[in-house]
Every structure is written in C-alpha cells, then in structure tokens.
Amino acid sequence: MPLVSAKCTFCKEQIKLDDTKESGVCPYCGRRVLVQQAVEIPLTTEQWVQKGKEYYENQDYDNAIIAFTQAIALNPQLAEAYYRRSGAYLGKDQTGSCHRRLYTSYRFKSAV
C-alpha cells in the first residue's frame, strides 16, 4: 500500500493517502477525500461534473457525491451539480438528502 502525501480538500491538513485507491478518509475531519484531487492539480468545475457522471454510471455513488460536491464548491450556483448529486443520494437510498438537493437545484435553475 504506497502512501503519498496529500492535503485534505476540506480541512486542509496534511495527510497520507493510498494512491492505489480512488479515495481515502481524512484522519482529522473524517471526510472522504478523492486521491486525485488531494495529490494532483485541481480539476475544473466541468471536469468534476464529468467525473461525477462517470462514477454515477458505474454506480459508485459515494465518489459521485464527492465529485459533484467538489463542483459545487467551485461554483455554488451550478444547478446541474446539485441535481446530479441528488441522483447519487437517491442511488444510495437516501431520499431525504435527495429531496433537499433537488430543491436546491430547482432554486438555482429558476434563478437563471
């Protein structure tokens, strides 16, 4: 298990992640961090949405949620990312989270 130095994208602490895996957990804040984001050059909003779509299509809902959340962090009014993240929550049978994200996506889409 080769560990690489990385920076948690949420709490910004220096951490070690297994670079043979897609994601790991920050020991400081407990959140899942995508290895690619923590180690490499950050992706654009569009790239995060695309990555989230790919995870979703492979039924990897946890990483899809992370990817769409990163897109939202870069562009908090991106209705598509909220909408797609809600679908990933639905894929995990988390209907409460799904409904909240759908409402947010509708709110931003209506404002456009």
C-alpha atoms as a PDB file:
ATOM      1  CA  MET A   1       0.000   0.000   0.000  1.00  0.00           C
ATOM      2  CA  PRO A   2       2.005   3.002  -1.262  1.00  0.00           C
ATOM      3  CA  LEU A   3       1.108   6.111   0.720  1.00  0.00           C
ATOM      4  CA  VAL A   4       1.526   9.572  -0.756  1.00  0.00           C
ATOM      5  CA  SER A   5       1.479  12.955   0.915  1.00  0.00           C
ATOM      6  CA  ALA A   6      -1.666  14.936   0.251  1.00  0.00           C
ATOM      7  CA  LYS A   7      -3.710  17.798   1.625  1.00  0.00           C
ATOM      8  CA  CYS A   8      -7.281  17.239   2.772  1.00  0.00           C
ATOM      9  CA  THR A   9      -9.521  19.265   0.470  1.00  0.00           C
ATOM     10  CA  PHE A  10     -11.888  20.046   3.345  1.00  0.00           C
ATOM     11  CA  CYS A  11      -9.839  20.788   6.495  1.00  0.00           C
ATOM     12  CA  LYS A  12      -6.534  21.444   4.613  1.00  0.00           C
ATOM     13  CA  GLU A  13      -4.465  19.223   6.955  1.00  0.00           C
ATOM     14  CA  GLN A  14      -1.506  17.275   5.564  1.00  0.00           C
ATOM     15  CA  ILE A  15      -2.449  13.589   5.305  1.00  0.00           C
ATOM     16  CA  LYS A  16      -1.214  10.338   3.756  1.00  0.00           C
ATOM     17  CA  LEU A  17      -3.397   8.534   1.204  1.00  0.00           C
ATOM     18  CA  ASP A  18      -3.122   5.187  -0.552  1.00  0.00           C
ATOM     19  CA  ASP A  19      -2.607   6.157  -4.202  1.00  0.00           C
ATOM     20  CA  THR A  20      -3.855   2.779  -5.445  1.00  0.00           C
ATOM     21  CA  LYS A  21      -7.385   3.731  -4.326  1.00  0.00           C
ATOM     22  CA  GLU A  22      -9.835   6.361  -5.620  1.00  0.00           C
ATOM     23  CA  SER A  23     -10.425   7.932  -2.203  1.00  0.00           C
ATOM     24  CA  GLY A  24      -9.442   7.840   1.433  1.00  0.00           C
ATOM     25  CA  VAL A  25     -10.630   9.246   4.753  1.00  0.00           C
ATOM     26  CA  CYS A  26      -9.001  12.242   6.408  1.00  0.00           C
ATOM     27  CA  PRO A  27      -7.964  11.286   9.949  1.00  0.00           C
ATOM     28  CA  TYR A  28      -8.537  14.878  11.099  1.00  0.00           C
ATOM     29  CA  CYS A  29     -12.024  15.740   9.828  1.00  0.00           C
ATOM     30  CA  GLY A  30     -13.276  12.252   8.928  1.00  0.00           C
ATOM     31  CA  ARG A  31     -14.436  13.195   5.425  1.00  0.00           C
ATOM     32  CA  ARG A  32     -13.796  11.182   2.277  1.00  0.00           C
ATOM     33  CA  VAL A  33     -11.182  12.759   0.015  1.00  0.00           C
ATOM     34  CA  LEU A  34     -10.565  11.862  -3.619  1.00  0.00           C
ATOM     35  CA  VAL A  35      -6.900  10.980  -4.000  1.00  0.00           C
ATOM     36  CA  GLN A  36      -6.649  12.666  -7.413  1.00  0.00           C
ATOM     37  CA  GLN A  37      -7.833  15.983  -6.030  1.00  0.00           C
ATOM     38  CA  ALA A  38      -5.708  15.884  -2.891  1.00  0.00           C
ATOM     39  CA  VAL A  39      -2.492  14.991  -4.733  1.00  0.00           C
ATOM     40  CA  GLU A  40      -2.711  16.389  -8.259  1.00  0.00           C
ATOM     41  CA  ILE A  41      -3.631  19.679  -9.867  1.00  0.00           C
ATOM     42  CA  PRO A  42      -7.232  20.555  -9.006  1.00  0.00           C
ATOM     43  CA  LEU A  43      -9.870  19.863 -11.648  1.00  0.00           C
ATOM     44  CA  THR A  44     -12.217  22.451 -13.149  1.00  0.00           C
ATOM     45  CA  THR A  45     -15.920  22.552 -12.327  1.00  0.00           C
ATOM     46  CA  GLU A  46     -16.762  20.882 -15.639  1.00  0.00           C
ATOM     47  CA  GLN A  47     -14.193  18.140 -15.033  1.00  0.00           C
ATOM     48  CA  TRP A  48     -15.654  17.424 -11.583  1.00  0.00           C
ATOM     49  CA  VAL A  49     -19.156  17.162 -13.067  1.00  0.00           C
ATOM     50  CA  GLN A  50     -17.874  14.785 -15.757  1.00  0.00           C
ATOM     51  CA  LYS A  51     -16.039  12.699 -13.174  1.00  0.00           C
ATOM     52  CA  GLY A  52     -19.209  12.575 -11.061  1.00  0.00           C
ATOM     53  CA  LYS A  53     -21.198  11.373 -14.075  1.00  0.00           C
ATOM     54  CA  GLU A  54     -18.672   8.598 -14.666  1.00  0.00           C
ATOM     55  CA  TYR A  55     -18.817   7.491 -11.028  1.00  0.00           C
ATOM     56  CA  TYR A  56     -22.615   7.596 -11.152  1.00  0.00           C
ATOM     57  CA  GLU A  57     -22.759   5.481 -14.315  1.00  0.00           C
ATOM     58  CA  ASN A  58     -20.581   2.896 -12.540  1.00  0.00           C
ATOM     59  CA  GLN A  59     -22.913   3.019  -9.515  1.00  0.00           C
ATOM     60  CA  ASP A  60     -20.089   4.404  -7.357  1.00  0.00           C
ATOM     61  CA  TYR A  61     -22.456   6.782  -5.599  1.00  0.00           C
ATOM     62  CA  ASP A  62     -20.103   7.765  -2.757  1.00  0.00           C
ATOM     63  CA  ASN A  63     -17.441   9.065  -5.139  1.00  0.00           C
ATOM     64  CA  ALA A  64     -20.108  10.615  -7.388  1.00  0.00           C
ATOM     65  CA  ILE A  65     -21.366  12.612  -4.387  1.00  0.00           C
ATOM     66  CA  ILE A  66     -17.810  13.714  -3.607  1.00  0.00           C
ATOM     67  CA  ALA A  67     -17.188  14.785  -7.222  1.00  0.00           C
ATOM     68  CA  PHE A  68     -20.448  16.745  -7.504  1.00  0.00           C
ATOM     69  CA  THR A  69     -19.754  18.351  -4.108  1.00  0.00           C
ATOM     70  CA  GLN A  70     -16.355  19.495  -5.397  1.00  0.00           C
ATOM     71  CA  ALA A  71     -18.034  21.006  -8.475  1.00  0.00           C
ATOM     72  CA  ILE A  72     -20.460  22.841  -6.171  1.00  0.00           C
ATOM     73  CA  ALA A  73     -17.550  24.095  -4.055  1.00  0.00           C
ATOM     74  CA  LEU A  74     -16.085  25.677  -7.197  1.00  0.00           C
ATOM     75  CA  ASN A  75     -19.445  27.003  -8.445  1.00  0.00           C
ATOM     76  CA  PRO A  76     -22.102  27.107  -5.691  1.00  0.00           C
ATOM     77  CA  GLN A  77     -24.868  28.073  -8.143  1.00  0.00           C
ATOM     78  CA  LEU A  78     -24.330  25.193 -10.572  1.00  0.00           C
ATOM     79  CA  ALA A  79     -27.815  23.643 -10.655  1.00  0.00           C
ATOM     80  CA  GLU A  80     -26.637  20.614 -12.647  1.00  0.00           C
ATOM     81  CA  ALA A  81     -24.223  19.546  -9.902  1.00  0.00           C
ATOM     82  CA  TYR A  82     -26.949  19.752  -7.234  1.00  0.00           C
ATOM     83  CA  TYR A  83     -29.333  17.839  -9.486  1.00  0.00           C
ATOM     84  CA  ARG A  84     -26.851  15.088 -10.269  1.00  0.00           C
ATOM     85  CA  ARG A  85     -25.720  14.857  -6.644  1.00  0.00           C
ATOM     86  CA  SER A  86     -29.349  14.340  -5.649  1.00  0.00           C
ATOM     87  CA  GLY A  87     -29.488  11.394  -8.060  1.00  0.00           C
ATOM     88  CA  ALA A  88     -26.433   9.879  -6.399  1.00  0.00           C
ATOM     89  CA  TYR A  89     -28.103  10.220  -2.998  1.00  0.00           C
ATOM     90  CA  LEU A  90     -31.168   8.527  -4.455  1.00  0.00           C
ATOM     91  CA  GLY A  91     -28.923   5.726  -5.720  1.00  0.00           C
ATOM     92  CA  LYS A  92     -27.828   5.233  -2.107  1.00  0.00           C
ATOM     93  CA  ASP A  93     -31.499   5.199  -0.971  1.00  0.00           C
ATOM     94  CA  GLN A  94     -31.028   8.465   0.924  1.00  0.00           C
ATOM     95  CA  THR A  95     -34.275  10.103  -0.152  1.00  0.00           C
ATOM     96  CA  GLY A  96     -34.139  12.926   2.418  1.00  0.00           C
ATOM     97  CA  SER A  97     -30.795  14.128   1.093  1.00  0.00           C
ATOM     98  CA  CYS A  98     -32.046  13.615  -2.447  1.00  0.00           C
ATOM     99  CA  HIS A  99     -35.075  15.862  -1.940  1.00  0.00           C
ATOM    100  CA  ARG A 100     -33.033  18.666  -0.356  1.00  0.00           C
ATOM    101  CA  ARG A 101     -30.560  18.648  -3.260  1.00  0.00           C
ATOM    102  CA  LEU A 102     -33.366  18.593  -5.834  1.00  0.00           C
ATOM    103  CA  TYR A 103     -34.935  21.635  -4.197  1.00  0.00           C
ATOM    104  CA  THR A 104     -31.603  23.478  -4.280  1.00  0.00           C
ATOM    105  CA  SER A 105     -31.054  22.613  -7.959  1.00  0.00           C
ATOM    106  CA  TYR A 106     -34.577  23.829  -8.798  1.00  0.00           C
ATOM    107  CA  ARG A 107     -33.963  27.070  -6.878  1.00  0.00           C
ATOM    108  CA  PHE A 108     -30.776  27.835  -8.821  1.00  0.00           C
ATOM    109  CA  LYS A 109     -32.221  26.731 -12.161  1.00  0.00           C
ATOM    110  CA  SER A 110     -35.232  29.012 -11.613  1.00  0.00           C
ATOM    111  CA  ALA A 111     -32.966  31.975 -10.894  1.00  0.00           C
ATOM    112  CA  VAL A 112     -31.215  31.648 -14.270  1.00  0.00           C
END
